[in-house]
Amino acid sequence: MDSETSLTYLESNEGKKSIIALHVDGIIDFCEKRKNEPL
């Protein structure tokens, strides 16, 4: 995928949803790891 195609995808609704999903997955993983650590 060239940079122009990538940019078009990232600016689309589908691309935005993918970016949000990646962030949400990262936040959930972080919270799960923190939950399992002793205080």
C-alpha atoms as a PDB file:
ATOM      1  CA  MET A   1       0.000   0.000   0.000  1.00  0.00           C
ATOM      2  CA  ASP A   2       1.534   3.338  -0.986  1.00  0.00           C
ATOM      3  CA  SER A   3       1.416   6.407   1.239  1.00  0.00           C
ATOM      4  CA  GLU A   4      -1.426   8.056  -0.686  1.00  0.00           C
ATOM      5  CA  THR A   5      -3.591   4.938  -0.353  1.00  0.00           C
ATOM      6  CA  SER A   6      -2.669   4.654   3.332  1.00  0.00           C
ATOM      7  CA  LEU A   7      -3.634   8.266   3.991  1.00  0.00           C
ATOM      8  CA  THR A   8      -6.954   7.855   2.179  1.00  0.00           C
ATOM      9  CA  TYR A   9      -7.704   4.767   4.283  1.00  0.00           C
ATOM     10  CA  LEU A  10      -6.750   6.457   7.573  1.00  0.00           C
ATOM     11  CA  GLU A  11      -8.986   9.429   6.781  1.00  0.00           C
ATOM     12  CA  SER A  12     -11.964   7.164   6.021  1.00  0.00           C
ATOM     13  CA  ASN A  13     -14.484   6.133   8.677  1.00  0.00           C
ATOM     14  CA  GLU A  14     -13.202   2.553   8.513  1.00  0.00           C
ATOM     15  CA  GLY A  15      -9.637   3.747   9.090  1.00  0.00           C
ATOM     16  CA  LYS A  16     -10.676   5.927  12.026  1.00  0.00           C
ATOM     17  CA  LYS A  17     -12.520   2.979  13.584  1.00  0.00           C
ATOM     18  CA  SER A  18      -9.386   0.836  13.202  1.00  0.00           C
ATOM     19  CA  ILE A  19      -7.229   3.449  14.947  1.00  0.00           C
ATOM     20  CA  ILE A  20      -9.736   3.766  17.809  1.00  0.00           C
ATOM     21  CA  ALA A  21      -9.937  -0.029  18.143  1.00  0.00           C
ATOM     22  CA  LEU A  22      -6.141  -0.262  18.425  1.00  0.00           C
ATOM     23  CA  HIS A  23      -6.112   2.385  21.161  1.00  0.00           C
ATOM     24  CA  VAL A  24      -8.949   0.704  23.056  1.00  0.00           C
ATOM     25  CA  ASP A  25      -7.178  -2.673  22.862  1.00  0.00           C
ATOM     26  CA  GLY A  26      -3.999  -1.070  24.194  1.00  0.00           C
ATOM     27  CA  ILE A  27      -5.851   0.588  27.089  1.00  0.00           C
ATOM     28  CA  ILE A  28      -7.596  -2.681  28.000  1.00  0.00           C
ATOM     29  CA  ASP A  29      -4.275  -4.571  27.934  1.00  0.00           C
ATOM     30  CA  PHE A  30      -2.678  -1.906  30.151  1.00  0.00           C
ATOM     31  CA  CYS A  31      -5.560  -2.062  32.651  1.00  0.00           C
ATOM     32  CA  GLU A  32      -5.483  -5.871  32.741  1.00  0.00           C
ATOM     33  CA  LYS A  33      -1.738  -5.850  33.495  1.00  0.00           C
ATOM     34  CA  ARG A  34      -2.158  -3.195  36.210  1.00  0.00           C
ATOM     35  CA  LYS A  35      -5.030  -5.139  37.781  1.00  0.00           C
ATOM     36  CA  ASN A  36      -2.786  -8.183  38.207  1.00  0.00           C
ATOM     37  CA  GLU A  37       0.090  -6.272  39.846  1.00  0.00           C
ATOM     38  CA  PRO A  38       0.322  -6.101  43.636  1.00  0.00           C
ATOM     39  CA  LEU A  39      -0.194  -2.652  45.130  1.00  0.00           C
END
